[in-house]
PDB file of N, CA and C in Angstrom:
ATOM      1  N   MET A   1     -18.289  20.629  32.779  1.00  0.00           N
ATOM      2  CA  MET A   1     -18.254  19.189  32.938  1.00  0.00           C
ATOM      3  C   MET A   1     -19.155  18.496  31.915  1.00  0.00           C
ATOM      4  N   ASN A   2     -20.208  19.171  31.488  1.00  0.00           N
ATOM      5  CA  ASN A   2     -21.097  18.580  30.495  1.00  0.00           C
ATOM      6  C   ASN A   2     -20.426  18.429  29.132  1.00  0.00           C
ATOM      7  N   ILE A   3     -19.399  19.229  28.884  1.00  0.00           N
ATOM      8  CA  ILE A   3     -18.712  19.151  27.599  1.00  0.00           C
ATOM      9  C   ILE A   3     -18.024  17.795  27.422  1.00  0.00           C
ATOM     10  N   LEU A   4     -17.656  17.161  28.527  1.00  0.00           N
ATOM     11  CA  LEU A   4     -17.030  15.839  28.447  1.00  0.00           C
ATOM     12  C   LEU A   4     -17.982  14.796  27.875  1.00  0.00           C
ATOM     13  N   LEU A   5     -19.276  14.999  28.068  1.00  0.00           N
ATOM     14  CA  LEU A   5     -20.254  14.072  27.507  1.00  0.00           C
ATOM     15  C   LEU A   5     -20.244  14.105  25.981  1.00  0.00           C
ATOM     16  N   TYR A   6     -19.814  15.212  25.400  1.00  0.00           N
ATOM     17  CA  TYR A   6     -19.710  15.325  23.955  1.00  0.00           C
ATOM     18  C   TYR A   6     -18.311  14.960  23.458  1.00  0.00           C
ATOM     19  N   LEU A   7     -17.306  15.401  24.177  1.00  0.00           N
ATOM     20  CA  LEU A   7     -15.942  15.217  23.708  1.00  0.00           C
ATOM     21  C   LEU A   7     -15.458  13.773  23.817  1.00  0.00           C
ATOM     22  N   LEU A   8     -15.851  13.071  24.823  1.00  0.00           N
ATOM     23  CA  LEU A   8     -15.394  11.691  25.001  1.00  0.00           C
ATOM     24  C   LEU A   8     -15.854  10.769  23.873  1.00  0.00           C
ATOM     25  N   PRO A   9     -17.114  10.757  23.494  1.00  0.00           N
ATOM     26  CA  PRO A   9     -17.508   9.905  22.355  1.00  0.00           C
ATOM     27  C   PRO A   9     -16.867  10.338  21.032  1.00  0.00           C
ATOM     28  N   ILE A  10     -16.705  11.641  20.830  1.00  0.00           N
ATOM     29  CA  ILE A  10     -16.063  12.121  19.612  1.00  0.00           C
ATOM     30  C   ILE A  10     -14.609  11.653  19.565  1.00  0.00           C
ATOM     31  N   THR A  11     -13.929  11.739  20.691  1.00  0.00           N
ATOM     32  CA  THR A  11     -12.536  11.306  20.771  1.00  0.00           C
ATOM     33  C   THR A  11     -12.413   9.809  20.517  1.00  0.00           C
ATOM     34  N   LEU A  12     -13.283   9.033  21.116  1.00  0.00           N
ATOM     35  CA  LEU A  12     -13.247   7.587  20.903  1.00  0.00           C
ATOM     36  C   LEU A  12     -13.550   7.233  19.448  1.00  0.00           C
ATOM     37  N   PHE A  13     -14.514   7.917  18.845  1.00  0.00           N
ATOM     38  CA  PHE A  13     -14.848   7.668  17.445  1.00  0.00           C
ATOM     39  C   PHE A  13     -13.674   7.993  16.528  1.00  0.00           C
ATOM     40  N   LEU A  14     -13.026   9.137  16.737  1.00  0.00           N
ATOM     41  CA  LEU A  14     -11.889   9.512  15.902  1.00  0.00           C
ATOM     42  C   LEU A  14     -10.711   8.560  16.102  1.00  0.00           C
ATOM     43  N   GLY A  15     -10.497   8.111  17.321  1.00  0.00           N
ATOM     44  CA  GLY A  15      -9.434   7.147  17.580  1.00  0.00           C
ATOM     45  C   GLY A  15      -9.692   5.819  16.883  1.00  0.00           C
ATOM     46  N   LEU A  16     -10.926   5.344  16.954  1.00  0.00           N
ATOM     47  CA  LEU A  16     -11.269   4.100  16.267  1.00  0.00           C
ATOM     48  C   LEU A  16     -11.217   4.268  14.752  1.00  0.00           C
ATOM     49  N   LEU A  17     -11.572   5.427  14.254  1.00  0.00           N
ATOM     50  CA  LEU A  17     -11.483   5.694  12.826  1.00  0.00           C
ATOM     51  C   LEU A  17     -10.028   5.666  12.358  1.00  0.00           C
ATOM     52  N   GLY A  18      -9.137   6.260  13.127  1.00  0.00           N
ATOM     53  CA  GLY A  18      -7.714   6.224  12.804  1.00  0.00           C
ATOM     54  C   GLY A  18      -7.150   4.822  12.871  1.00  0.00           C
ATOM     55  N   PHE A  19      -7.568   4.055  13.850  1.00  0.00           N
ATOM     56  CA  PHE A  19      -7.113   2.670  13.975  1.00  0.00           C
ATOM     57  C   PHE A  19      -7.619   1.825  12.815  1.00  0.00           C
ATOM     58  N   ALA A  20      -8.862   2.051  12.407  1.00  0.00           N
ATOM     59  CA  ALA A  20      -9.421   1.321  11.267  1.00  0.00           C
ATOM     60  C   ALA A  20      -8.676   1.678   9.980  1.00  0.00           C
ATOM     61  N   ALA A  21      -8.301   2.937   9.820  1.00  0.00           N
ATOM     62  CA  ALA A  21      -7.529   3.342   8.643  1.00  0.00           C
ATOM     63  C   ALA A  21      -6.157   2.685   8.647  1.00  0.00           C
ATOM     64  N   PHE A  22      -5.552   2.555   9.808  1.00  0.00           N
ATOM     65  CA  PHE A  22      -4.253   1.894   9.920  1.00  0.00           C
ATOM     66  C   PHE A  22      -4.365   0.413   9.576  1.00  0.00           C
ATOM     67  N   ILE A  23      -5.395  -0.248  10.073  1.00  0.00           N
ATOM     68  CA  ILE A  23      -5.605  -1.662   9.762  1.00  0.00           C
ATOM     69  C   ILE A  23      -5.877  -1.842   8.276  1.00  0.00           C
ATOM     70  N   TRP A  24      -6.655  -0.928   7.677  1.00  0.00           N
ATOM     71  CA  TRP A  24      -6.906  -0.993   6.247  1.00  0.00           C
ATOM     72  C   TRP A  24      -5.604  -0.855   5.457  1.00  0.00           C
ATOM     73  N   ALA A  25      -4.732   0.062   5.885  1.00  0.00           N
ATOM     74  CA  ALA A  25      -3.460   0.257   5.193  1.00  0.00           C
ATOM     75  C   ALA A  25      -2.592  -0.992   5.297  1.00  0.00           C
ATOM     76  N   LEU A  26      -2.612  -1.648   6.424  1.00  0.00           N
ATOM     77  CA  LEU A  26      -1.847  -2.884   6.570  1.00  0.00           C
ATOM     78  C   LEU A  26      -2.383  -3.974   5.649  1.00  0.00           C
ATOM     79  N   ASN A  27      -3.683  -4.118   5.602  1.00  0.00           N
ATOM     80  CA  ASN A  27      -4.296  -5.173   4.800  1.00  0.00           C
ATOM     81  C   ASN A  27      -4.219  -4.908   3.299  1.00  0.00           C
ATOM     82  N   SER A  28      -4.123  -3.649   2.906  1.00  0.00           N
ATOM     83  CA  SER A  28      -4.086  -3.343   1.478  1.00  0.00           C
ATOM     84  C   SER A  28      -2.670  -3.321   0.919  1.00  0.00           C
ATOM     85  N   GLY A  29      -1.674  -3.598   1.759  1.00  0.00           N
ATOM     86  CA  GLY A  29      -0.310  -3.732   1.268  1.00  0.00           C
ATOM     87  C   GLY A  29       0.477  -2.432   1.208  1.00  0.00           C
ATOM     88  N   GLN A  30       0.119  -1.448   1.992  1.00  0.00           N
ATOM     89  CA  GLN A  30       0.830  -0.183   1.964  1.00  0.00           C
ATOM     90  C   GLN A  30       2.252  -0.292   2.523  1.00  0.00           C
ATOM     91  N   TYR A  31       2.497  -1.276   3.363  1.00  0.00           N
ATOM     92  CA  TYR A  31       3.801  -1.408   4.009  1.00  0.00           C
ATOM     93  C   TYR A  31       4.539  -2.655   3.541  1.00  0.00           C
ATOM     94  N   ASP A  32       4.216  -3.172   2.361  1.00  0.00           N
ATOM     95  CA  ASP A  32       4.826  -4.418   1.907  1.00  0.00           C
ATOM     96  C   ASP A  32       6.255  -4.254   1.419  1.00  0.00           C
ATOM     97  N   ASP A  33       6.651  -3.079   0.964  1.00  0.00           N
ATOM     98  CA  ASP A  33       7.975  -2.889   0.389  1.00  0.00           C
ATOM     99  C   ASP A  33       8.724  -1.760   1.103  1.00  0.00           C
ATOM    100  N   PRO A  34       9.179  -1.983   2.326  1.00  0.00           N
ATOM    101  CA  PRO A  34       9.846  -0.907   3.038  1.00  0.00           C
ATOM    102  C   PRO A  34      11.234  -0.582   2.480  1.00  0.00           C
ATOM    103  N   ASP A  35      11.864  -1.515   1.762  1.00  0.00           N
ATOM    104  CA  ASP A  35      13.205  -1.274   1.239  1.00  0.00           C
ATOM    105  C   ASP A  35      13.180  -0.691  -0.174  1.00  0.00           C
ATOM    106  N   GLY A  36      12.046  -0.659  -0.811  1.00  0.00           N
ATOM    107  CA  GLY A  36      11.961  -0.184  -2.191  1.00  0.00           C
ATOM    108  C   GLY A  36      12.396   1.253  -2.350  1.00  0.00           C
ATOM    109  N   ALA A  37      11.927   2.133  -1.497  1.00  0.00           N
ATOM    110  CA  ALA A  37      12.294   3.544  -1.602  1.00  0.00           C
ATOM    111  C   ALA A  37      13.767   3.748  -1.262  1.00  0.00           C
ATOM    112  N   ALA A  38      14.284   2.957  -0.361  1.00  0.00           N
ATOM    113  CA  ALA A  38      15.693   3.095   0.011  1.00  0.00           C
ATOM    114  C   ALA A  38      16.604   2.623  -1.116  1.00  0.00           C
ATOM    115  N   MET A  39      16.171   1.645  -1.882  1.00  0.00           N
ATOM    116  CA  MET A  39      16.998   1.122  -2.959  1.00  0.00           C
ATOM    117  C   MET A  39      16.845   1.927  -4.247  1.00  0.00           C
ATOM    118  N   ARG A  40      15.827   2.753  -4.341  1.00  0.00           N
ATOM    119  CA  ARG A  40      15.601   3.538  -5.551  1.00  0.00           C
ATOM    120  C   ARG A  40      16.689   4.571  -5.784  1.00  0.00           C
ATOM    121  N   ILE A  41      17.414   4.941  -4.733  1.00  0.00           N
ATOM    122  CA  ILE A  41      18.467   5.941  -4.876  1.00  0.00           C
ATOM    123  C   ILE A  41      19.616   5.404  -5.725  1.00  0.00           C
ATOM    124  N   PHE A  42      19.749   4.088  -5.805  1.00  0.00           N
ATOM    125  CA  PHE A  42      20.840   3.492  -6.556  1.00  0.00           C
ATOM    126  C   PHE A  42      20.549   3.406  -8.054  1.00  0.00           C
ATOM    127  N   ASN A  43      19.307   3.635  -8.464  1.00  0.00           N
ATOM    128  CA  ASN A  43      18.968   3.622  -9.884  1.00  0.00           C
ATOM    129  C   ASN A  43      19.438   4.910 -10.530  1.00  0.00           C
ATOM    130  N   ASP A  44      20.124   4.779 -11.640  1.00  0.00           N
ATOM    131  CA  ASP A  44      20.629   5.954 -12.343  1.00  0.00           C
ATOM    132  C   ASP A  44      19.629   6.352 -13.418  1.00  0.00           C
ATOM    133  N   GLU A  45      18.882   7.402 -13.160  1.00  0.00           N
ATOM    134  CA  GLU A  45      17.848   7.828 -14.090  1.00  0.00           C
ATOM    135  C   GLU A  45      18.443   8.438 -15.351  1.00  0.00           C
ATOM    136  N   ASP A  46      19.639   9.040 -15.259  1.00  0.00           N
ATOM    137  CA  ASP A  46      20.248   9.636 -16.433  1.00  0.00           C
ATOM    138  C   ASP A  46      20.536   8.589 -17.506  1.00  0.00           C
ATOM    139  N   GLU A  47      21.015   7.420 -17.110  1.00  0.00           N
ATOM    140  CA  GLU A  47      21.290   6.365 -18.077  1.00  0.00           C
ATOM    141  C   GLU A  47      19.991   5.856 -18.692  1.00  0.00           C
ATOM    142  N   ASP A  48      18.924   5.782 -17.908  1.00  0.00           N
ATOM    143  CA  ASP A  48      17.642   5.350 -18.447  1.00  0.00           C
ATOM    144  C   ASP A  48      17.122   6.340 -19.490  1.00  0.00           C
ATOM    145  N   ARG A  49      17.302   7.607 -19.241  1.00  0.00           N
ATOM    146  CA  ARG A  49      16.838   8.640 -20.190  1.00  0.00           C
ATOM    147  C   ARG A  49      17.659   8.596 -21.473  1.00  0.00           C
ATOM    148  N   LYS A  50      18.986   8.367 -21.368  1.00  0.00           N
ATOM    149  CA  LYS A  50      19.825   8.279 -22.558  1.00  0.00           C
ATOM    150  C   LYS A  50      19.429   7.097 -23.416  1.00  0.00           C
ATOM    151  N   ASP A  51      19.118   5.961 -22.778  1.00  0.00           N
ATOM    152  CA  ASP A  51      18.725   4.781 -23.526  1.00  0.00           C
ATOM    153  C   ASP A  51      17.410   4.998 -24.266  1.00  0.00           C
ATOM    154  N   LYS A  52      16.489   5.709 -23.662  1.00  0.00           N
ATOM    155  CA  LYS A  52      15.199   5.944 -24.295  1.00  0.00           C
ATOM    156  C   LYS A  52      15.302   6.932 -25.449  1.00  0.00           C
ATOM    157  N   ASN A  53      16.175   7.921 -25.307  1.00  0.00           N
ATOM    158  CA  ASN A  53      16.321   8.948 -26.336  1.00  0.00           C
ATOM    159  C   ASN A  53      17.153   8.470 -27.521  1.00  0.00           C
ATOM    160  N   SER A  54      17.990   7.476 -27.337  1.00  0.00           N
ATOM    161  CA  SER A  54      18.875   7.005 -28.411  1.00  0.00           C
ATOM    162  C   SER A  54      18.185   6.074 -29.360  1.00  0.00           C
TER     163      SER A  54
END
């Protein structure tokens, strides 16, 4: 039962640390472009490489 005296504060600290990291990611713009990766599949990289090499 004494182990709970150690584990509970550690658990709360790690949870708050994870929440703070999530808030930091939101504020720093990590989730600003959710459609960018989905639309990147439509870019034809082969044509871009041909244009650069020519």
